[in-house]
C-alpha atoms as a PDB file:
ATOM      1  CA  UNK A   1      -0.046  -0.004  -0.061  1.00  0.00           C
ATOM      2  CA  UNK A   2       2.907   2.344   0.734  1.00  0.00           C
ATOM      3  CA  UNK A   3       4.277   1.968  -2.740  1.00  0.00           C
ATOM      4  CA  UNK A   4       0.807   2.480  -4.329  1.00  0.00           C
ATOM      5  CA  UNK A   5       0.353   5.533  -2.065  1.00  0.00           C
ATOM      6  CA  UNK A   6       3.765   6.951  -3.248  1.00  0.00           C
ATOM      7  CA  UNK A   7       2.959   6.297  -6.806  1.00  0.00           C
ATOM      8  CA  UNK A   8      -0.388   8.102  -6.604  1.00  0.00           C
ATOM      9  CA  UNK A   9       1.340  11.115  -4.998  1.00  0.00           C
ATOM     10  CA  UNK A  10       3.961  11.213  -7.688  1.00  0.00           C
ATOM     11  CA  UNK A  11       1.538  10.818 -10.622  1.00  0.00           C
ATOM     12  CA  UNK A  12      -0.799  13.451  -9.345  1.00  0.00           C
ATOM     13  CA  UNK A  13       2.036  15.726  -8.541  1.00  0.00           C
ATOM     14  CA  UNK A  14       3.361  15.444 -12.062  1.00  0.00           C
ATOM     15  CA  UNK A  15      -0.081  16.350 -13.368  1.00  0.00           C
ATOM     16  CA  UNK A  16      -0.182  19.419 -10.983  1.00  0.00           C
ATOM     17  CA  UNK A  17       3.320  20.380 -12.083  1.00  0.00           C
ATOM     18  CA  UNK A  18       2.238  20.391 -15.787  1.00  0.00           C
ATOM     19  CA  UNK A  19      -0.410  22.873 -14.764  1.00  0.00           C
ATOM     20  CA  UNK A  20       2.299  25.100 -13.109  1.00  0.00           C
ATOM     21  CA  UNK A  21       4.024  24.880 -16.395  1.00  0.00           C
ATOM     22  CA  UNK A  22       1.266  26.773 -18.081  1.00  0.00           C
ATOM     23  CA  UNK A  23       2.318  29.834 -16.010  1.00  0.00           C
ATOM     24  CA  UNK A  24       5.955  29.156 -16.840  1.00  0.00           C
ATOM     25  CA  UNK A  25       5.365  28.906 -20.571  1.00  0.00           C
ATOM     26  CA  UNK A  26       3.884  32.315 -20.449  1.00  0.00           C
ATOM     27  CA  UNK A  27       6.931  33.592 -18.665  1.00  0.00           C
ATOM     28  CA  UNK A  28       9.267  31.932 -21.032  1.00  0.00           C
ATOM     29  CA  UNK A  29       7.517  33.418 -24.063  1.00  0.00           C
ATOM     30  CA  UNK A  30       8.078  36.865 -22.908  1.00  0.00           C
ATOM     31  CA  UNK A  31      11.668  36.207 -21.789  1.00  0.00           C
ATOM     32  CA  UNK A  32      12.615  34.719 -25.052  1.00  0.00           C
ATOM     33  CA  UNK A  33      11.533  37.883 -26.882  1.00  0.00           C
ATOM     34  CA  UNK A  34      12.548  40.590 -24.443  1.00  0.00           C
ATOM     35  CA  UNK A  35      14.863  38.954 -21.737  1.00  0.00           C
ATOM     36  CA  UNK A  36      12.472  40.276 -19.107  1.00  0.00           C
ATOM     37  CA  UNK A  37      10.754  38.130 -16.466  1.00  0.00           C
ATOM     38  CA  UNK A  38       7.045  38.999 -16.451  1.00  0.00           C
ATOM     39  CA  UNK A  39       5.787  39.426 -12.934  1.00  0.00           C
ATOM     40  CA  UNK A  40       2.363  40.310 -14.309  1.00  0.00           C
ATOM     41  CA  UNK A  41       1.624  36.730 -15.626  1.00  0.00           C
ATOM     42  CA  UNK A  42      -0.334  35.844 -12.523  1.00  0.00           C
ATOM     43  CA  UNK A  43      -2.486  38.877 -12.925  1.00  0.00           C
ATOM     44  CA  UNK A  44      -3.024  38.185 -16.683  1.00  0.00           C
ATOM     45  CA  UNK A  45      -3.994  34.585 -15.695  1.00  0.00           C
ATOM     46  CA  UNK A  46      -6.703  35.900 -13.233  1.00  0.00           C
ATOM     47  CA  UNK A  47      -7.942  38.434 -15.774  1.00  0.00           C
ATOM     48  CA  UNK A  48      -8.124  35.711 -18.580  1.00  0.00           C
ATOM     49  CA  UNK A  49     -10.418  33.574 -16.336  1.00  0.00           C
ATOM     50  CA  UNK A  50     -12.658  36.477 -15.474  1.00  0.00           C
ATOM     51  CA  UNK A  51     -13.019  37.396 -19.102  1.00  0.00           C
ATOM     52  CA  UNK A  52     -14.118  33.837 -19.888  1.00  0.00           C
ATOM     53  CA  UNK A  53     -16.686  34.003 -17.052  1.00  0.00           C
ATOM     54  CA  UNK A  54     -17.920  37.360 -18.188  1.00  0.00           C
ATOM     55  CA  UNK A  55     -18.378  36.072 -21.767  1.00  0.00           C
ATOM     56  CA  UNK A  56     -19.911  32.738 -20.739  1.00  0.00           C
ATOM     57  CA  UNK A  57     -22.067  33.688 -17.812  1.00  0.00           C
ATOM     58  CA  UNK A  58     -22.802  37.398 -18.071  1.00  0.00           C
ATOM     59  CA  UNK A  59     -23.052  37.486 -21.921  1.00  0.00           C
ATOM     60  CA  UNK A  60     -24.599  33.963 -22.115  1.00  0.00           C
ATOM     61  CA  UNK A  61     -22.269  32.683 -24.832  1.00  0.00           C
ATOM     62  CA  UNK A  62     -21.328  28.986 -25.085  1.00  0.00           C
ATOM     63  CA  UNK A  63     -18.088  28.035 -23.429  1.00  0.00           C
ATOM     64  CA  UNK A  64     -16.593  26.897 -26.692  1.00  0.00           C
ATOM     65  CA  UNK A  65     -17.251  30.419 -28.173  1.00  0.00           C
ATOM     66  CA  UNK A  66     -16.354  32.279 -24.939  1.00  0.00           C
ATOM     67  CA  UNK A  67     -12.786  30.719 -24.727  1.00  0.00           C
ATOM     68  CA  UNK A  68     -11.602  31.665 -28.130  1.00  0.00           C
ATOM     69  CA  UNK A  69     -13.067  35.265 -27.808  1.00  0.00           C
ATOM     70  CA  UNK A  70     -11.349  35.609 -24.508  1.00  0.00           C
ATOM     71  CA  UNK A  71      -8.008  34.550 -26.131  1.00  0.00           C
ATOM     72  CA  UNK A  72      -8.461  37.206 -28.727  1.00  0.00           C
ATOM     73  CA  UNK A  73      -9.342  39.786 -26.106  1.00  0.00           C
ATOM     74  CA  UNK A  74      -6.308  38.807 -24.023  1.00  0.00           C
ATOM     75  CA  UNK A  75      -4.021  38.904 -26.932  1.00  0.00           C
ATOM     76  CA  UNK A  76      -5.021  42.427 -27.515  1.00  0.00           C
ATOM     77  CA  UNK A  77      -4.668  43.244 -23.851  1.00  0.00           C
ATOM     78  CA  UNK A  78      -1.130  41.748 -23.716  1.00  0.00           C
ATOM     79  CA  UNK A  79      -0.142  43.794 -26.810  1.00  0.00           C
ATOM     80  CA  UNK A  80      -1.677  46.896 -25.371  1.00  0.00           C
ATOM     81  CA  UNK A  81       0.228  46.552 -22.076  1.00  0.00           C
ATOM     82  CA  UNK A  82       3.495  46.208 -23.968  1.00  0.00           C
ATOM     83  CA  UNK A  83       2.689  49.194 -26.174  1.00  0.00           C
ATOM     84  CA  UNK A  84       1.412  51.581 -23.405  1.00  0.00           C
ATOM     85  CA  UNK A  85       3.568  50.696 -20.416  1.00  0.00           C
ATOM     86  CA  UNK A  86       6.623  48.740 -21.408  1.00  0.00           C
ATOM     87  CA  UNK A  87       7.773  50.094 -24.702  1.00  0.00           C
ATOM     88  CA  UNK A  88       8.744  53.339 -23.057  1.00  0.00           C
ATOM     89  CA  UNK A  89      11.123  51.576 -20.913  1.00  0.00           C
ATOM     90  CA  UNK A  90      13.151  49.969 -23.766  1.00  0.00           C
ATOM     91  CA  UNK A  91      16.862  50.099 -23.018  1.00  0.00           C
ATOM     92  CA  UNK A  92      16.231  51.032 -19.293  1.00  0.00           C
ATOM     93  CA  UNK A  93      17.759  48.981 -16.316  1.00  0.00           C
ATOM     94  CA  UNK A  94      15.963  45.649 -15.909  1.00  0.00           C
ATOM     95  CA  UNK A  95      15.011  46.546 -12.420  1.00  0.00           C
ATOM     96  CA  UNK A  96      12.809  49.414 -13.637  1.00  0.00           C
ATOM     97  CA  UNK A  97      11.046  47.002 -16.091  1.00  0.00           C
ATOM     98  CA  UNK A  98      10.586  44.354 -13.388  1.00  0.00           C
ATOM     99  CA  UNK A  99       8.925  47.013 -11.158  1.00  0.00           C
ATOM    100  CA  UNK A 100       6.591  47.948 -14.046  1.00  0.00           C
ATOM    101  CA  UNK A 101       5.413  44.319 -14.493  1.00  0.00           C
ATOM    102  CA  UNK A 102       4.847  44.160 -10.697  1.00  0.00           C
ATOM    103  CA  UNK A 103       2.983  47.371 -10.938  1.00  0.00           C
ATOM    104  CA  UNK A 104       0.871  45.974 -13.712  1.00  0.00           C
ATOM    105  CA  UNK A 105       0.080  42.853 -11.711  1.00  0.00           C
ATOM    106  CA  UNK A 106      -1.144  44.969  -8.783  1.00  0.00           C
ATOM    107  CA  UNK A 107      -3.241  47.118 -11.151  1.00  0.00           C
ATOM    108  CA  UNK A 108      -4.826  44.087 -12.760  1.00  0.00           C
ATOM    109  CA  UNK A 109      -5.714  42.627  -9.333  1.00  0.00           C
ATOM    110  CA  UNK A 110      -7.239  45.899  -8.268  1.00  0.00           C
ATOM    111  CA  UNK A 111      -9.199  46.327 -11.519  1.00  0.00           C
ATOM    112  CA  UNK A 112     -10.778  42.805 -11.343  1.00  0.00           C
ATOM    113  CA  UNK A 113     -11.648  43.424  -7.581  1.00  0.00           C
ATOM    114  CA  UNK A 114     -13.404  46.617  -8.484  1.00  0.00           C
ATOM    115  CA  UNK A 115     -15.308  45.066 -11.450  1.00  0.00           C
ATOM    116  CA  UNK A 116     -16.155  41.598 -10.154  1.00  0.00           C
ATOM    117  CA  UNK A 117     -15.636  41.880  -6.398  1.00  0.00           C
ATOM    118  CA  UNK A 118     -13.722  39.464  -4.204  1.00  0.00           C
ATOM    119  CA  UNK A 119     -16.321  36.520  -4.150  1.00  0.00           C
ATOM    120  CA  UNK A 120     -14.837  33.389  -5.655  1.00  0.00           C
ATOM    121  CA  UNK A 121     -16.628  32.184  -8.807  1.00  0.00           C
ATOM    122  CA  UNK A 122     -16.340  28.787 -10.451  1.00  0.00           C
ATOM    123  CA  UNK A 123     -15.661  27.846 -14.011  1.00  0.00           C
ATOM    124  CA  UNK A 124     -17.593  24.847 -15.136  1.00  0.00           C
ATOM    125  CA  UNK A 125     -15.833  23.020 -17.967  1.00  0.00           C
ATOM    126  CA  UNK A 126     -18.022  20.038 -17.921  1.00  0.00           C
ATOM    127  CA  UNK A 127     -15.189  17.766 -16.795  1.00  0.00           C
ATOM    128  CA  UNK A 128     -16.529  14.776 -14.820  1.00  0.00           C
ATOM    129  CA  UNK A 129     -15.641  14.329 -11.156  1.00  0.00           C
ATOM    130  CA  UNK A 130     -16.234  10.572 -11.306  1.00  0.00           C
ATOM    131  CA  UNK A 131     -13.182   8.664 -10.024  1.00  0.00           C
ATOM    132  CA  UNK A 132     -10.584   7.776 -12.628  1.00  0.00           C
ATOM    133  CA  UNK A 133      -8.235   4.964 -11.824  1.00  0.00           C
ATOM    134  CA  UNK A 134      -4.885   4.074 -13.529  1.00  0.00           C
ATOM    135  CA  UNK A 135      -4.565   0.552 -12.125  1.00  0.00           C
ATOM    136  CA  UNK A 136      -4.927   1.231  -8.442  1.00  0.00           C
ATOM    137  CA  UNK A 137      -3.838   4.858  -8.711  1.00  0.00           C
ATOM    138  CA  UNK A 138      -6.641   7.527  -8.378  1.00  0.00           C
ATOM    139  CA  UNK A 139      -6.236  10.364 -10.841  1.00  0.00           C
ATOM    140  CA  UNK A 140      -7.959  13.784 -11.002  1.00  0.00           C
ATOM    141  CA  UNK A 141      -9.684  14.202 -14.394  1.00  0.00           C
ATOM    142  CA  UNK A 142      -9.472  17.945 -14.418  1.00  0.00           C
ATOM    143  CA  UNK A 143      -5.646  17.680 -13.592  1.00  0.00           C
ATOM    144  CA  UNK A 144      -5.441  15.254 -16.481  1.00  0.00           C
ATOM    145  CA  UNK A 145      -7.167  17.615 -18.880  1.00  0.00           C
ATOM    146  CA  UNK A 146      -4.996  20.513 -17.673  1.00  0.00           C
ATOM    147  CA  UNK A 147      -1.860  18.400 -18.268  1.00  0.00           C
ATOM    148  CA  UNK A 148      -2.972  17.677 -21.709  1.00  0.00           C
ATOM    149  CA  UNK A 149      -3.487  21.355 -22.496  1.00  0.00           C
ATOM    150  CA  UNK A 150      -0.016  21.986 -21.201  1.00  0.00           C
ATOM    151  CA  UNK A 151       1.559  19.417 -23.362  1.00  0.00           C
ATOM    152  CA  UNK A 152      -0.375  20.700 -26.444  1.00  0.00           C
ATOM    153  CA  UNK A 153       0.794  24.221 -25.659  1.00  0.00           C
ATOM    154  CA  UNK A 154       4.361  23.021 -25.459  1.00  0.00           C
ATOM    155  CA  UNK A 155       4.116  21.309 -28.856  1.00  0.00           C
ATOM    156  CA  UNK A 156       2.557  24.362 -30.526  1.00  0.00           C
ATOM    157  CA  UNK A 157       5.165  26.778 -29.289  1.00  0.00           C
ATOM    158  CA  UNK A 158       8.075  24.452 -30.066  1.00  0.00           C
ATOM    159  CA  UNK A 159       6.732  24.419 -33.556  1.00  0.00           C
ATOM    160  CA  UNK A 160       6.129  28.157 -33.447  1.00  0.00           C
ATOM    161  CA  UNK A 161       9.671  29.003 -32.511  1.00  0.00           C
ATOM    162  CA  UNK A 162      10.904  27.080 -35.535  1.00  0.00           C
ATOM    163  CA  UNK A 163       8.888  29.321 -37.838  1.00  0.00           C
ATOM    164  CA  UNK A 164      10.077  32.597 -39.263  1.00  0.00           C
ATOM    165  CA  UNK A 165       8.203  34.633 -36.705  1.00  0.00           C
ATOM    166  CA  UNK A 166       9.541  32.497 -33.897  1.00  0.00           C
ATOM    167  CA  UNK A 167      13.027  32.900 -35.187  1.00  0.00           C
ATOM    168  CA  UNK A 168      12.610  36.634 -35.217  1.00  0.00           C
ATOM    169  CA  UNK A 169      11.551  36.590 -31.538  1.00  0.00           C
ATOM    170  CA  UNK A 170      14.664  34.615 -30.643  1.00  0.00           C
ATOM    171  CA  UNK A 171      16.796  37.048 -32.464  1.00  0.00           C
ATOM    172  CA  UNK A 172      15.172  39.970 -30.673  1.00  0.00           C
ATOM    173  CA  UNK A 173      16.059  38.419 -27.287  1.00  0.00           C
ATOM    174  CA  UNK A 174      19.647  37.848 -28.334  1.00  0.00           C
ATOM    175  CA  UNK A 175      20.330  41.423 -29.532  1.00  0.00           C
ATOM    176  CA  UNK A 176      17.944  44.323 -29.967  1.00  0.00           C
ATOM    177  CA  UNK A 177      20.354  46.348 -32.097  1.00  0.00           C
ATOM    178  CA  UNK A 178      21.366  43.622 -34.427  1.00  0.00           C
ATOM    179  CA  UNK A 179      17.645  42.738 -34.945  1.00  0.00           C
ATOM    180  CA  UNK A 180      16.910  46.396 -35.803  1.00  0.00           C
ATOM    181  CA  UNK A 181      19.811  46.451 -38.210  1.00  0.00           C
ATOM    182  CA  UNK A 182      18.438  43.506 -40.295  1.00  0.00           C
ATOM    183  CA  UNK A 183      14.932  44.930 -40.494  1.00  0.00           C
ATOM    184  CA  UNK A 184      13.213  43.035 -37.662  1.00  0.00           C
ATOM    185  CA  UNK A 185      10.558  45.170 -35.968  1.00  0.00           C
ATOM    186  CA  UNK A 186      11.570  44.675 -32.237  1.00  0.00           C
ATOM    187  CA  UNK A 187       8.555  46.529 -30.933  1.00  0.00           C
ATOM    188  CA  UNK A 188       6.019  44.278 -32.862  1.00  0.00           C
ATOM    189  CA  UNK A 189       7.945  41.182 -31.755  1.00  0.00           C
ATOM    190  CA  UNK A 190       7.945  41.922 -28.065  1.00  0.00           C
ATOM    191  CA  UNK A 191       4.288  43.013 -28.362  1.00  0.00           C
ATOM    192  CA  UNK A 192       3.393  39.705 -30.052  1.00  0.00           C
ATOM    193  CA  UNK A 193       5.133  37.759 -27.173  1.00  0.00           C
ATOM    194  CA  UNK A 194       3.075  39.561 -24.639  1.00  0.00           C
ATOM    195  CA  UNK A 195      -0.045  38.712 -26.679  1.00  0.00           C
ATOM    196  CA  UNK A 196       0.857  35.048 -26.908  1.00  0.00           C
ATOM    197  CA  UNK A 197       1.708  34.904 -23.216  1.00  0.00           C
ATOM    198  CA  UNK A 198      -1.854  36.436 -22.510  1.00  0.00           C
ATOM    199  CA  UNK A 199      -3.455  33.598 -24.561  1.00  0.00           C
ATOM    200  CA  UNK A 200      -1.527  30.964 -22.441  1.00  0.00           C
ATOM    201  CA  UNK A 201      -2.885  32.880 -19.430  1.00  0.00           C
ATOM    202  CA  UNK A 202      -6.425  32.140 -20.577  1.00  0.00           C
ATOM    203  CA  UNK A 203      -5.726  28.435 -20.803  1.00  0.00           C
ATOM    204  CA  UNK A 204      -4.196  28.500 -17.259  1.00  0.00           C
ATOM    205  CA  UNK A 205      -6.889  30.601 -15.889  1.00  0.00           C
ATOM    206  CA  UNK A 206      -9.822  28.408 -16.907  1.00  0.00           C
ATOM    207  CA  UNK A 207      -8.114  25.170 -15.838  1.00  0.00           C
ATOM    208  CA  UNK A 208      -7.135  26.539 -12.415  1.00  0.00           C
ATOM    209  CA  UNK A 209     -10.522  28.338 -12.139  1.00  0.00           C
ATOM    210  CA  UNK A 210     -12.189  24.971 -12.390  1.00  0.00           C
ATOM    211  CA  UNK A 211      -9.789  23.561  -9.691  1.00  0.00           C
ATOM    212  CA  UNK A 212      -9.940  26.291  -7.051  1.00  0.00           C
ATOM    213  CA  UNK A 213     -12.382  28.961  -8.359  1.00  0.00           C
ATOM    214  CA  UNK A 214     -11.633  32.355  -9.926  1.00  0.00           C
ATOM    215  CA  UNK A 215     -10.648  35.024  -7.484  1.00  0.00           C
ATOM    216  CA  UNK A 216      -7.628  37.090  -6.449  1.00  0.00           C
ATOM    217  CA  UNK A 217      -5.739  33.935  -5.333  1.00  0.00           C
ATOM    218  CA  UNK A 218      -5.231  32.888  -8.976  1.00  0.00           C
ATOM    219  CA  UNK A 219      -2.544  35.567  -9.384  1.00  0.00           C
ATOM    220  CA  UNK A 220      -0.593  34.081  -6.435  1.00  0.00           C
ATOM    221  CA  UNK A 221       0.193  31.046  -8.371  1.00  0.00           C
ATOM    222  CA  UNK A 222       2.730  33.129 -10.241  1.00  0.00           C
ATOM    223  CA  UNK A 223       5.276  32.072  -7.478  1.00  0.00           C
ATOM    224  CA  UNK A 224       5.000  28.399  -8.490  1.00  0.00           C
ATOM    225  CA  UNK A 225       5.073  29.285 -12.188  1.00  0.00           C
ATOM    226  CA  UNK A 226       8.127  31.442 -11.661  1.00  0.00           C
ATOM    227  CA  UNK A 227       9.872  28.674  -9.682  1.00  0.00           C
ATOM    228  CA  UNK A 228       9.234  26.258 -12.524  1.00  0.00           C
ATOM    229  CA  UNK A 229      10.490  28.806 -15.145  1.00  0.00           C
ATOM    230  CA  UNK A 230      13.676  29.405 -13.207  1.00  0.00           C
ATOM    231  CA  UNK A 231      14.304  25.714 -12.518  1.00  0.00           C
ATOM    232  CA  UNK A 232      13.778  24.767 -16.184  1.00  0.00           C
ATOM    233  CA  UNK A 233      15.590  27.786 -17.608  1.00  0.00           C
ATOM    234  CA  UNK A 234      13.900  31.151 -18.435  1.00  0.00           C
ATOM    235  CA  UNK A 235      14.460  30.737 -22.111  1.00  0.00           C
ATOM    236  CA  UNK A 236      13.519  27.035 -22.460  1.00  0.00           C
ATOM    237  CA  UNK A 237       9.887  25.855 -23.045  1.00  0.00           C
ATOM    238  CA  UNK A 238      11.008  22.224 -22.778  1.00  0.00           C
ATOM    239  CA  UNK A 239      12.597  23.060 -19.500  1.00  0.00           C
ATOM    240  CA  UNK A 240       9.305  24.725 -18.222  1.00  0.00           C
ATOM    241  CA  UNK A 241       7.409  21.597 -18.970  1.00  0.00           C
ATOM    242  CA  UNK A 242      10.016  19.166 -17.392  1.00  0.00           C
ATOM    243  CA  UNK A 243      10.621  21.373 -14.489  1.00  0.00           C
ATOM    244  CA  UNK A 244       6.903  21.611 -13.812  1.00  0.00           C
ATOM    245  CA  UNK A 245       6.761  17.848 -13.582  1.00  0.00           C
ATOM    246  CA  UNK A 246       9.825  17.827 -11.222  1.00  0.00           C
ATOM    247  CA  UNK A 247       8.475  20.552  -8.944  1.00  0.00           C
ATOM    248  CA  UNK A 248       4.947  18.948  -8.903  1.00  0.00           C
ATOM    249  CA  UNK A 249       6.340  15.636  -7.776  1.00  0.00           C
ATOM    250  CA  UNK A 250       8.716  17.120  -5.175  1.00  0.00           C
ATOM    251  CA  UNK A 251       5.903  19.284  -3.751  1.00  0.00           C
ATOM    252  CA  UNK A 252       3.252  16.671  -3.623  1.00  0.00           C
ATOM    253  CA  UNK A 253       5.414  13.854  -2.248  1.00  0.00           C
ATOM    254  CA  UNK A 254       7.331  16.088   0.141  1.00  0.00           C
ATOM    255  CA  UNK A 255       4.282  17.747   1.620  1.00  0.00           C
ATOM    256  CA  UNK A 256       2.547  14.318   2.168  1.00  0.00           C
ATOM    257  CA  UNK A 257       5.397  13.404   4.481  1.00  0.00           C
ATOM    258  CA  UNK A 258       6.287  16.746   5.912  1.00  0.00           C
ATOM    259  CA  UNK A 259       2.836  18.114   6.807  1.00  0.00           C
ATOM    260  CA  UNK A 260       2.166  15.567   9.552  1.00  0.00           C
ATOM    261  CA  UNK A 261       5.458  16.598  11.073  1.00  0.00           C
ATOM    262  CA  UNK A 262       5.167  20.333  10.901  1.00  0.00           C
ATOM    263  CA  UNK A 263       1.390  20.690  11.165  1.00  0.00           C
ATOM    264  CA  UNK A 264       0.819  21.519   7.511  1.00  0.00           C
ATOM    265  CA  UNK A 265       1.706  24.320   5.180  1.00  0.00           C
ATOM    266  CA  UNK A 266       4.929  22.650   3.895  1.00  0.00           C
ATOM    267  CA  UNK A 267       3.947  23.037   0.106  1.00  0.00           C
ATOM    268  CA  UNK A 268       4.905  26.714  -0.062  1.00  0.00           C
ATOM    269  CA  UNK A 269       8.003  26.014   1.995  1.00  0.00           C
ATOM    270  CA  UNK A 270       9.098  23.361  -0.554  1.00  0.00           C
ATOM    271  CA  UNK A 271       8.511  25.558  -3.528  1.00  0.00           C
ATOM    272  CA  UNK A 272      10.516  28.487  -1.957  1.00  0.00           C
ATOM    273  CA  UNK A 273      13.350  26.120  -1.082  1.00  0.00           C
ATOM    274  CA  UNK A 274      13.546  24.896  -4.698  1.00  0.00           C
ATOM    275  CA  UNK A 275      13.551  28.428  -6.003  1.00  0.00           C
ATOM    276  CA  UNK A 276      16.313  29.625  -3.658  1.00  0.00           C
ATOM    277  CA  UNK A 277      18.508  26.476  -4.271  1.00  0.00           C
ATOM    278  CA  UNK A 278      18.165  26.861  -8.027  1.00  0.00           C
ATOM    279  CA  UNK A 279      19.140  30.573  -8.015  1.00  0.00           C
ATOM    280  CA  UNK A 280      22.090  29.714  -5.643  1.00  0.00           C
ATOM    281  CA  UNK A 281      23.411  26.573  -7.385  1.00  0.00           C
ATOM    282  CA  UNK A 282      22.293  26.863 -11.065  1.00  0.00           C
ATOM    283  CA  UNK A 283      20.882  30.335 -11.927  1.00  0.00           C
ATOM    284  CA  UNK A 284      20.535  29.522 -15.556  1.00  0.00           C
ATOM    285  CA  UNK A 285      18.281  26.521 -14.721  1.00  0.00           C
ATOM    286  CA  UNK A 286      18.415  23.059 -16.034  1.00  0.00           C
ATOM    287  CA  UNK A 287      18.119  23.859 -19.744  1.00  0.00           C
ATOM    288  CA  UNK A 288      18.756  27.601 -19.896  1.00  0.00           C
ATOM    289  CA  UNK A 289      21.691  29.163 -21.563  1.00  0.00           C
ATOM    290  CA  UNK A 290      24.667  29.892 -19.457  1.00  0.00           C
ATOM    291  CA  UNK A 291      24.464  33.674 -20.141  1.00  0.00           C
ATOM    292  CA  UNK A 292      21.149  34.093 -18.463  1.00  0.00           C
ATOM    293  CA  UNK A 293      21.393  36.683 -15.629  1.00  0.00           C
ATOM    294  CA  UNK A 294      20.198  36.184 -12.081  1.00  0.00           C
ATOM    295  CA  UNK A 295      16.861  37.632 -11.456  1.00  0.00           C
END
C-alpha cells in the first residue's frame, strides 16, 4: 500500500506540475523575446479567467465560443500593455522593467476586484468528477485535462519557434540592435510575445478556475510558475514543462510526509526552497543558456 500511495502522489504531483508549467510557458514566451521576467503573468491569468466567465455567464455565450473570444481579447490586452507601459522602458535597467510588470500585476488585481468583487466564482468546463483509476492509482480528471493542455501548448510553441516569426523573436532576445539592423521590428515582436503569453494565461486561468475557483488567489500561483520557469531555464519551453513535472512531484510527495511533522503548510516552503536553491546553485536553470542573468 505504501508503494501505491507513493505512486499516486507522484503521478498526481506530475499532473499538477504540468499545470504550473502553463504559467511558466507564459513567462518563457516573454523572456525569449525581451529577456524580461514578467511578474504580471499571474494577474493576466486571473484576468483571462474573469473574461471567460464574463463572456460565458454574463453574456450567455457557449463556453466553446467564450474561450476563443477571451483568447483574442487577452491577446489584444497583452499587446496593449506592452505598447502603453513597457515600450517606453526599452533600454532602461531591468530593475525598472521588473517593477513595471509588478505594478501591472497589482493594477490588474485591483481592477478585477473593482469590477467583479472578491467573491470566488467557479468555471464549469464539464469535466466529470467521477473517479478515474490508472490501475490502483486515483487520478484527478481535471488535472489530466490540464496536463494535456500544457503538453499541447508545449508542442505548439516548439513548432512556432521554428517558424520565421519564432526565429525573429529569438533574434530579438539575443540582440535588439542587431535585430533592428536587419529590419526586424523589435517593438512588434515583443508585443506579440506579450499577446501570446496572454493567450496562455487564458488556458491556465480556466483550468485553475475549475480547480480552485476564480478570485484574487489565482494571481498568487505566479510564485510556482516562476519557480518552474527558473528551474527549467527562463528561455527554455521544454525546461518549463519538465521542471513543472519535477516541482509537482517534489511538492506533492514532500508535503505528504512533511505536513504531519510540521502541522501543514509545507507546500509553499518546498517551492520556496527549490527556487532559492536553483538561483544559488544553477541560476540559468536545467536547460537555460549559461549567459542568463540572475533575477
